[in-house]
Every structure is written in structure tokens, then in C-alpha cells.
Amino acid sequence: DASDAESARTALATAGPIDVIYYLVHAIGQPGFRDADNAAAAHVADAAKGAGVRRIVYLGGFVPSDEGLSEHLTSRAEVAEALNVAGGAEVVWLGAAIIVGAGSTSFEMMRYVGDRFPVIPVPKWMENPIDPISIRDVLHYLVAAADPERVPPGAYDIAGPDTTSYRELLRTYAHVAGTWQTNVPVWGIDTTVASWVTALALP
């Protein structure tokens, strides 16, 4: 239990020698998720240091450096900082945007919307460029990041070959899935309003 410092220490101490920890913990959706994420990362980093873990590979979000960040992306960057402790395990931070593949929360949300809503309101921000990546490619990078001879510690953005937009991604999904879909441009809907509607509409 990463949220419990003693549980994290006990787990790593009793597991025996550990070369690499893959850190995939995410508390988004819970009240106070930023604090929960920071605490969990700090617990694991401290436990890894005590257990002599060589490397932590962290799969986080793609965090732009030239604009204001959402609370979600701010939290992802804070987790990377919390995992880096003096004298502890070296950290490889892989930053990804939407991961295309079953089990990815972002992809499952997109699939749910694409399958169930033939008419989709499209705010202006849905035209923002995004760099999706296949889950197969993410797995390739995760495996490579375990090897210090291939990947030095540090932060790396990972992406597929194509830059697109969320609107285009929805259109592509509808085409592949064989569903009919149309987009209706709307104004005045920011990401906060969209998140409220999404929370009501999605399981």
C-alpha cells in the first residue's frame, strides 16, 4: 500500500533484492489526489532507498513547459520530484500524453464517448495538438527504461509518430469502430465544465 509508509517499507524489505520499480500509482479521482499522490511517491522513494533499489521507472503525464498546467499535470510533475531523493534510487520519468490501448483511462473514456454519443460537442480546446502513443510502444519504452546502459536517468517524453487533436482522434476512432459520428462546434465550455459532464456521462 503506497499510501502507507510502513507498508511500503515492509514490502520492499521482504521482497529481496530489487533492481527496478515501475511506479504506476495514480490517485486521480480521489478527493485531495495531489496530496495523496505526493505522499505515495515519497513513501515508495524512501522505502526504495532503504531497500537499495537501483532504479525507479515512472510513467507520468506529458508536461508542457511553456504554459499553465492543470492540477492533474501539476501533480504528475510533483510525483517525479517526490520520487527523486538524495542517495536514493535513480529515476527515469517517461512522460506520455494519451495512451491508445485497452486499459488506458484516457483511451477508455474516448472509446466510451465514441461508442455512445453520435453527436459530440467540440469546444475549441479539443483542437489543441496532442501526441498519442500506442500502448505497445509504451511497453517498449518501459522495458528499455529498466536498462541503465540504454536509458540514463532523467525525464523523457514518449510519443507516437503523429501529432493530431482530440477531435481528430475521436473521428479516427469512429471510423475504425464503424460508428456514425458528427461534431458540433461550441463555445464557452472550458475543461472544468467538460470534466463535470464527463463525470456524469461516463461509468
C-alpha atoms as a PDB file:
ATOM      1  CA  ASP A   1       0.000   0.000   0.000  1.00  0.00           C
ATOM      2  CA  ALA A   2       1.919   3.021  -1.277  1.00  0.00           C
ATOM      3  CA  SER A   3      -0.233   5.354   0.797  1.00  0.00           C
ATOM      4  CA  ASP A   4       1.180   3.762   3.972  1.00  0.00           C
ATOM      5  CA  ALA A   5       4.883   4.420   4.634  1.00  0.00           C
ATOM      6  CA  GLU A   6       5.327   1.348   6.822  1.00  0.00           C
ATOM      7  CA  SER A   7       3.571  -0.901   4.307  1.00  0.00           C
ATOM      8  CA  ALA A   8       5.860   0.327   1.527  1.00  0.00           C
ATOM      9  CA  ARG A   9       8.986  -0.230   3.634  1.00  0.00           C
ATOM     10  CA  THR A  10       7.883  -3.713   4.690  1.00  0.00           C
ATOM     11  CA  ALA A  11       7.010  -4.735   1.133  1.00  0.00           C
ATOM     12  CA  LEU A  12      10.373  -3.744  -0.312  1.00  0.00           C
ATOM     13  CA  ALA A  13      12.372  -5.043   2.631  1.00  0.00           C
ATOM     14  CA  THR A  14      10.799  -8.514   2.440  1.00  0.00           C
ATOM     15  CA  ALA A  15      10.850  -8.791  -1.366  1.00  0.00           C
ATOM     16  CA  GLY A  16      14.594  -9.345  -1.508  1.00  0.00           C
ATOM     17  CA  PRO A  17      16.990  -7.547  -3.871  1.00  0.00           C
ATOM     18  CA  ILE A  18      15.120  -5.312  -6.326  1.00  0.00           C
ATOM     19  CA  ASP A  19      16.740  -3.775  -9.404  1.00  0.00           C
ATOM     20  CA  VAL A  20      13.833  -1.755 -10.771  1.00  0.00           C
ATOM     21  CA  ILE A  21      10.496  -0.487  -9.506  1.00  0.00           C
ATOM     22  CA  TYR A  22       7.870   0.530 -12.052  1.00  0.00           C
ATOM     23  CA  TYR A  23       5.901   3.351 -10.490  1.00  0.00           C
ATOM     24  CA  LEU A  24       2.388   3.477 -11.992  1.00  0.00           C
ATOM     25  CA  VAL A  25       0.455   4.782  -8.976  1.00  0.00           C
ATOM     26  CA  HIS A  26      -2.228   7.380  -9.653  1.00  0.00           C
ATOM     27  CA  ALA A  27      -4.845   8.743  -7.236  1.00  0.00           C
ATOM     28  CA  ILE A  28      -6.776  10.993  -9.634  1.00  0.00           C
ATOM     29  CA  GLY A  29     -10.496  10.791  -8.972  1.00  0.00           C
ATOM     30  CA  GLN A  30      -9.979  10.704  -5.226  1.00  0.00           C
ATOM     31  CA  PRO A  31     -10.526  13.820  -3.096  1.00  0.00           C
ATOM     32  CA  GLY A  32      -7.188  15.538  -2.480  1.00  0.00           C
ATOM     33  CA  PHE A  33      -5.449  13.396  -5.088  1.00  0.00           C
ATOM     34  CA  ARG A  34      -2.419  15.685  -5.343  1.00  0.00           C
ATOM     35  CA  ASP A  35      -1.559  15.257  -1.685  1.00  0.00           C
ATOM     36  CA  ALA A  36      -2.239  11.513  -1.902  1.00  0.00           C
ATOM     37  CA  ASP A  37      -0.017  11.154  -4.973  1.00  0.00           C
ATOM     38  CA  ASN A  38       2.829  13.127  -3.409  1.00  0.00           C
ATOM     39  CA  ALA A  39       2.683  11.133  -0.186  1.00  0.00           C
ATOM     40  CA  ALA A  40       2.612   7.786  -2.003  1.00  0.00           C
ATOM     41  CA  ALA A  41       5.606   8.731  -4.163  1.00  0.00           C
ATOM     42  CA  ALA A  42       7.569   9.896  -1.121  1.00  0.00           C
ATOM     43  CA  HIS A  43       6.789   6.651   0.739  1.00  0.00           C
ATOM     44  CA  VAL A  44       7.935   4.481  -2.163  1.00  0.00           C
ATOM     45  CA  ALA A  45      11.067   6.568  -2.768  1.00  0.00           C
ATOM     46  CA  ASP A  46      12.014   6.339   0.911  1.00  0.00           C
ATOM     47  CA  ALA A  47      11.348   2.600   1.012  1.00  0.00           C
ATOM     48  CA  ALA A  48      13.333   2.092  -2.210  1.00  0.00           C
ATOM     49  CA  LYS A  49      16.283   3.965  -0.733  1.00  0.00           C
ATOM     50  CA  GLY A  50      16.194   1.771   2.376  1.00  0.00           C
ATOM     51  CA  ALA A  51      15.986  -1.398   0.299  1.00  0.00           C
ATOM     52  CA  GLY A  52      18.848  -0.423  -2.027  1.00  0.00           C
ATOM     53  CA  VAL A  53      16.689  -0.301  -5.152  1.00  0.00           C
ATOM     54  CA  ARG A  54      18.783   0.798  -8.120  1.00  0.00           C
ATOM     55  CA  ARG A  55      16.164   2.460 -10.332  1.00  0.00           C
ATOM     56  CA  ILE A  56      12.568   3.692 -10.372  1.00  0.00           C
ATOM     57  CA  VAL A  57      10.825   3.937 -13.748  1.00  0.00           C
ATOM     58  CA  TYR A  58       7.891   6.333 -13.517  1.00  0.00           C
ATOM     59  CA  LEU A  59       5.196   6.548 -16.181  1.00  0.00           C
ATOM     60  CA  GLY A  60       3.657  10.000 -15.851  1.00  0.00           C
ATOM     61  CA  GLY A  61       1.993  12.600 -17.987  1.00  0.00           C
ATOM     62  CA  PHE A  62       3.431  14.737 -20.730  1.00  0.00           C
ATOM     63  CA  VAL A  63       4.004  18.093 -19.029  1.00  0.00           C
ATOM     64  CA  PRO A  64       4.405  21.134 -21.312  1.00  0.00           C
ATOM     65  CA  SER A  65       6.965  23.623 -20.043  1.00  0.00           C
ATOM     66  CA  ASP A  66       5.582  26.738 -21.711  1.00  0.00           C
ATOM     67  CA  GLU A  67       2.052  27.055 -20.352  1.00  0.00           C
ATOM     68  CA  GLY A  68      -0.062  26.934 -17.217  1.00  0.00           C
ATOM     69  CA  LEU A  69      -0.693  23.385 -16.047  1.00  0.00           C
ATOM     70  CA  SER A  70      -3.871  21.703 -14.901  1.00  0.00           C
ATOM     71  CA  GLU A  71      -3.939  20.293 -11.393  1.00  0.00           C
ATOM     72  CA  HIS A  72      -3.603  16.824 -12.902  1.00  0.00           C
ATOM     73  CA  LEU A  73      -0.416  17.613 -14.839  1.00  0.00           C
ATOM     74  CA  THR A  74       1.000  19.605 -11.944  1.00  0.00           C
ATOM     75  CA  SER A  75       0.519  16.526  -9.782  1.00  0.00           C
ATOM     76  CA  ARG A  76       2.341  14.335 -12.308  1.00  0.00           C
ATOM     77  CA  ALA A  77       5.362  16.644 -12.188  1.00  0.00           C
ATOM     78  CA  GLU A  78       5.258  16.762  -8.384  1.00  0.00           C
ATOM     79  CA  VAL A  79       5.317  12.964  -8.228  1.00  0.00           C
ATOM     80  CA  ALA A  80       8.507  12.921 -10.324  1.00  0.00           C
ATOM     81  CA  GLU A  81      10.084  15.329  -7.843  1.00  0.00           C
ATOM     82  CA  ALA A  82       8.945  13.247  -4.862  1.00  0.00           C
ATOM     83  CA  LEU A  83      10.488  10.098  -6.325  1.00  0.00           C
ATOM     84  CA  ASN A  84      13.902  11.772  -6.531  1.00  0.00           C
ATOM     85  CA  VAL A  85      15.518  11.619  -3.075  1.00  0.00           C
ATOM     86  CA  ALA A  86      19.152  12.221  -2.195  1.00  0.00           C
ATOM     87  CA  GLY A  87      21.036   8.939  -2.055  1.00  0.00           C
ATOM     88  CA  GLY A  88      18.018   7.029  -3.304  1.00  0.00           C
ATOM     89  CA  ALA A  89      17.180   5.179  -6.490  1.00  0.00           C
ATOM     90  CA  GLU A  90      17.842   6.897  -9.803  1.00  0.00           C
ATOM     91  CA  VAL A  91      14.636   7.875 -11.595  1.00  0.00           C
ATOM     92  CA  VAL A  92      13.583   7.595 -15.228  1.00  0.00           C
ATOM     93  CA  TRP A  93      10.439   9.617 -15.899  1.00  0.00           C
ATOM     94  CA  LEU A  94       8.588   8.693 -19.091  1.00  0.00           C
ATOM     95  CA  GLY A  95       6.005  11.342 -19.958  1.00  0.00           C
ATOM     96  CA  ALA A  96       3.157  10.331 -22.244  1.00  0.00           C
ATOM     97  CA  ALA A  97       0.003  12.035 -23.487  1.00  0.00           C
ATOM     98  CA  ILE A  98      -2.999   9.825 -24.304  1.00  0.00           C
ATOM     99  CA  ILE A  99      -2.053   6.142 -24.468  1.00  0.00           C
ATOM    100  CA  VAL A 100      -4.037   4.299 -27.137  1.00  0.00           C
ATOM    101  CA  GLY A 101      -4.917   0.821 -25.930  1.00  0.00           C
ATOM    102  CA  ALA A 102      -7.247  -1.151 -23.697  1.00  0.00           C
ATOM    103  CA  GLY A 103      -6.908  -0.259 -20.031  1.00  0.00           C
ATOM    104  CA  SER A 104      -5.673   3.290 -20.593  1.00  0.00           C
ATOM    105  CA  THR A 105      -8.094   5.585 -18.746  1.00  0.00           C
ATOM    106  CA  SER A 106      -7.859   8.308 -21.396  1.00  0.00           C
ATOM    107  CA  PHE A 107      -8.452   5.823 -24.185  1.00  0.00           C
ATOM    108  CA  GLU A 108     -11.350   4.093 -22.393  1.00  0.00           C
ATOM    109  CA  MET A 109     -13.018   7.487 -21.897  1.00  0.00           C
ATOM    110  CA  MET A 110     -12.584   8.306 -25.572  1.00  0.00           C
ATOM    111  CA  ARG A 111     -13.918   4.898 -26.591  1.00  0.00           C
ATOM    112  CA  TYR A 112     -16.953   5.253 -24.349  1.00  0.00           C
ATOM    113  CA  VAL A 113     -17.749   8.671 -25.823  1.00  0.00           C
ATOM    114  CA  GLY A 114     -17.141   7.456 -29.378  1.00  0.00           C
ATOM    115  CA  ASP A 115     -19.354   4.395 -28.967  1.00  0.00           C
ATOM    116  CA  ARG A 116     -22.292   6.075 -27.251  1.00  0.00           C
ATOM    117  CA  PHE A 117     -22.581   9.655 -28.479  1.00  0.00           C
ATOM    118  CA  PRO A 118     -23.261  10.157 -32.192  1.00  0.00           C
ATOM    119  CA  VAL A 119     -23.288  13.957 -31.758  1.00  0.00           C
ATOM    120  CA  ILE A 120     -20.298  15.343 -29.883  1.00  0.00           C
ATOM    121  CA  PRO A 121     -19.911  18.993 -28.813  1.00  0.00           C
ATOM    122  CA  VAL A 122     -16.415  20.181 -29.757  1.00  0.00           C
ATOM    123  CA  PRO A 123     -15.005  23.093 -27.714  1.00  0.00           C
ATOM    124  CA  LYS A 124     -12.055  24.989 -29.144  1.00  0.00           C
ATOM    125  CA  TRP A 125      -9.544  23.277 -26.835  1.00  0.00           C
ATOM    126  CA  MET A 126     -10.332  19.911 -28.464  1.00  0.00           C
ATOM    127  CA  GLU A 127      -8.348  21.232 -31.441  1.00  0.00           C
ATOM    128  CA  ASN A 128      -5.167  21.550 -29.353  1.00  0.00           C
ATOM    129  CA  PRO A 129      -2.347  19.350 -30.664  1.00  0.00           C
ATOM    130  CA  ILE A 130      -1.726  16.065 -28.850  1.00  0.00           C
ATOM    131  CA  ASP A 131       0.809  13.305 -29.385  1.00  0.00           C
ATOM    132  CA  PRO A 132      -0.847   9.932 -28.734  1.00  0.00           C
ATOM    133  CA  ILE A 133       1.165   6.756 -28.344  1.00  0.00           C
ATOM    134  CA  SER A 134       0.290   3.084 -28.756  1.00  0.00           C
ATOM    135  CA  ILE A 135       0.293   1.004 -25.596  1.00  0.00           C
ATOM    136  CA  ARG A 136       2.669  -1.404 -27.394  1.00  0.00           C
ATOM    137  CA  ASP A 137       5.163   1.407 -27.833  1.00  0.00           C
ATOM    138  CA  VAL A 138       4.745   2.424 -24.188  1.00  0.00           C
ATOM    139  CA  LEU A 139       5.620  -1.125 -23.155  1.00  0.00           C
ATOM    140  CA  HIS A 140       8.700  -0.987 -25.391  1.00  0.00           C
ATOM    141  CA  TYR A 141       9.878   2.183 -23.654  1.00  0.00           C
ATOM    142  CA  LEU A 142       9.103   0.810 -20.189  1.00  0.00           C
ATOM    143  CA  VAL A 143      11.240  -2.262 -20.827  1.00  0.00           C
ATOM    144  CA  ALA A 144      14.061  -0.187 -22.314  1.00  0.00           C
ATOM    145  CA  ALA A 145      13.977   2.204 -19.337  1.00  0.00           C
ATOM    146  CA  ALA A 146      14.938  -0.622 -16.975  1.00  0.00           C
ATOM    147  CA  ASP A 147      18.365  -0.846 -18.619  1.00  0.00           C
ATOM    148  CA  PRO A 148      20.779   1.904 -17.468  1.00  0.00           C
ATOM    149  CA  GLU A 149      23.062   1.184 -20.408  1.00  0.00           C
ATOM    150  CA  ARG A 150      20.279   2.097 -22.823  1.00  0.00           C
ATOM    151  CA  VAL A 151      18.498   4.858 -20.904  1.00  0.00           C
ATOM    152  CA  PRO A 152      20.311   7.173 -18.470  1.00  0.00           C
ATOM    153  CA  PRO A 153      18.304   8.590 -15.571  1.00  0.00           C
ATOM    154  CA  GLY A 154      16.234  11.646 -16.450  1.00  0.00           C
ATOM    155  CA  ALA A 155      12.949  12.773 -17.969  1.00  0.00           C
ATOM    156  CA  TYR A 156      11.869  11.669 -21.450  1.00  0.00           C
ATOM    157  CA  ASP A 157       8.752  12.442 -23.472  1.00  0.00           C
ATOM    158  CA  ILE A 158       7.439   9.449 -25.378  1.00  0.00           C
ATOM    159  CA  ALA A 159       5.016   9.711 -28.295  1.00  0.00           C
ATOM    160  CA  GLY A 160       3.923   8.044 -31.483  1.00  0.00           C
ATOM    161  CA  PRO A 161       4.858   9.398 -34.918  1.00  0.00           C
ATOM    162  CA  ASP A 162       1.726  11.522 -35.463  1.00  0.00           C
ATOM    163  CA  THR A 163       0.574  14.763 -33.891  1.00  0.00           C
ATOM    164  CA  THR A 164      -3.211  15.114 -34.008  1.00  0.00           C
ATOM    165  CA  SER A 165      -6.052  16.587 -31.935  1.00  0.00           C
ATOM    166  CA  TYR A 166      -8.592  15.026 -29.613  1.00  0.00           C
ATOM    167  CA  ARG A 167     -11.315  15.809 -32.171  1.00  0.00           C
ATOM    168  CA  GLU A 168      -9.393  14.017 -34.918  1.00  0.00           C
ATOM    169  CA  LEU A 169      -8.687  11.111 -32.596  1.00  0.00           C
ATOM    170  CA  LEU A 170     -12.424  10.740 -31.929  1.00  0.00           C
ATOM    171  CA  ARG A 171     -13.108  10.882 -35.674  1.00  0.00           C
ATOM    172  CA  THR A 172     -10.463   8.232 -36.347  1.00  0.00           C
ATOM    173  CA  TYR A 173     -11.856   6.009 -33.607  1.00  0.00           C
ATOM    174  CA  ALA A 174     -15.391   6.282 -35.001  1.00  0.00           C
ATOM    175  CA  HIS A 175     -14.095   5.351 -38.474  1.00  0.00           C
ATOM    176  CA  VAL A 176     -12.207   2.298 -37.178  1.00  0.00           C
ATOM    177  CA  ALA A 177     -15.116   1.221 -34.956  1.00  0.00           C
ATOM    178  CA  GLY A 178     -17.621   1.650 -37.793  1.00  0.00           C
ATOM    179  CA  THR A 179     -19.836   4.086 -35.892  1.00  0.00           C
ATOM    180  CA  TRP A 180     -21.502   7.241 -37.192  1.00  0.00           C
ATOM    181  CA  GLN A 181     -20.461  10.449 -35.518  1.00  0.00           C
ATOM    182  CA  THR A 182     -20.640  14.163 -36.104  1.00  0.00           C
ATOM    183  CA  ASN A 183     -19.059  17.098 -34.304  1.00  0.00           C
ATOM    184  CA  VAL A 184     -20.825  20.323 -33.322  1.00  0.00           C
ATOM    185  CA  PRO A 185     -18.580  23.320 -32.553  1.00  0.00           C
ATOM    186  CA  VAL A 186     -19.454  25.002 -29.230  1.00  0.00           C
ATOM    187  CA  TRP A 187     -18.021  27.934 -27.317  1.00  0.00           C
ATOM    188  CA  GLY A 188     -17.608  28.765 -23.652  1.00  0.00           C
ATOM    189  CA  ILE A 189     -17.029  25.212 -22.408  1.00  0.00           C
ATOM    190  CA  ASP A 190     -13.744  25.004 -20.532  1.00  0.00           C
ATOM    191  CA  THR A 191     -12.084  21.832 -19.291  1.00  0.00           C
ATOM    192  CA  THR A 192     -13.673  22.180 -15.833  1.00  0.00           C
ATOM    193  CA  VAL A 193     -17.198  22.105 -17.264  1.00  0.00           C
ATOM    194  CA  ALA A 194     -16.199  19.262 -19.593  1.00  0.00           C
ATOM    195  CA  SER A 195     -14.882  17.241 -16.638  1.00  0.00           C
ATOM    196  CA  TRP A 196     -18.176  17.674 -14.766  1.00  0.00           C
ATOM    197  CA  VAL A 197     -20.181  16.486 -17.783  1.00  0.00           C
ATOM    198  CA  THR A 198     -17.744  13.608 -18.342  1.00  0.00           C
ATOM    199  CA  ALA A 199     -18.080  12.506 -14.731  1.00  0.00           C
ATOM    200  CA  LEU A 200     -21.874  12.370 -15.121  1.00  0.00           C
ATOM    201  CA  ALA A 201     -21.854  10.650 -18.516  1.00  0.00           C
ATOM    202  CA  LEU A 202     -19.122   8.043 -18.102  1.00  0.00           C
ATOM    203  CA  PRO A 203     -19.089   4.981 -15.850  1.00  0.00           C
END
